[in-house]
């Protein structure tokens, strides 16, 4: 019988929170999976509720016997290819992924027809950015008949501790060039500054978050662009200066990344705050904006993933590949449910 929820990377920083909350909601259904059985068991011994540990390495191929029992996979690690995702589709398993890697997201999007044929629902953009940013942009866009501009602003605390993959993704994108919908030229990261008030007045710079790309496929706007800043204004300015002279290309070097990861994991600087805001403007110059702020980027990502898993299991969700803003229709209710995990989360809609 297919009744198990398989959480891959289920004992990691995000996955462990997802595992704990889903184990409370679905007794005897959660499988905490990853390469280390010891780490998985250590978590299940703590969270209980019938959760079970499982040694699982997607790089070595899927475990067909296990997948026969699974109704939902929550993917909390990065993947090298879509082999496992395709196996889930073939088995008719529903799938949620917290990845922020747009290249990988595009690869999954190409599996849309295959997912529909196999009655499988795949939901992407589940987290803070992408995720909450998508929902805020969609919520604001719903206020107007015609949309000219959508600005997405992301503020991240440098005191937040991440896994290696998250740090590497950030380092790689500090020196990137990418296409933005309706732009005549490629956009460089940490350029095109924009001042805005988000937990104080700050300057934000372009960054290659996936939300701006996925939203442009479903919202008819002249321009959708995402910018970011760090809680340290000094660090934000420093990176801007390094990008201007081209030194940020050094952050693509794995040795430099390893040094950076060690420094950020040990240094107690900055905070773990986050804040995201969407600002939508129509052709009359009317503006509507919404924001969410709080502490703990990993925690908020896990809360969104938990709520998305619950929504998918308890509601009729269309088959195929979708993003969170395509699935959630009552966005205020969904966002406000996040406060049950942390009442200090601030939501302004």
Foldseek 3Di string as FASTA:
>chain_A
DAQAEEEECLLPLQNVLLQLVVLVVRALHYEDEYQDQVSQVVSCVPSPSNYHYDHDDPVVPGDVVVLLRHQEYEYDDDDPACRVVLVCLQSQHEYEYADFDQVRVVRQQVCFVSFQVSNYEYAYLFAVQSNVQLLFQLVFLVVDPAFAEKEKEKEFWLQAADDLVVLLVVLVFLFDWADAPLDPGIDGWLDPWDWDADVHIAIWTFTPGCSRVVVVVPHDYNGYTYTYAYPDRVVSVVSSVCNVVPVSVCSNDVVVSVVVNVCSNPDRDTFQKMKMKMWIAGPVRDIDMKMKIDGHRSHRSSLRSSLVVVPPVPDDFRTGYYYPNVTDDPSVVSVVVSCVVPVVMDIGD
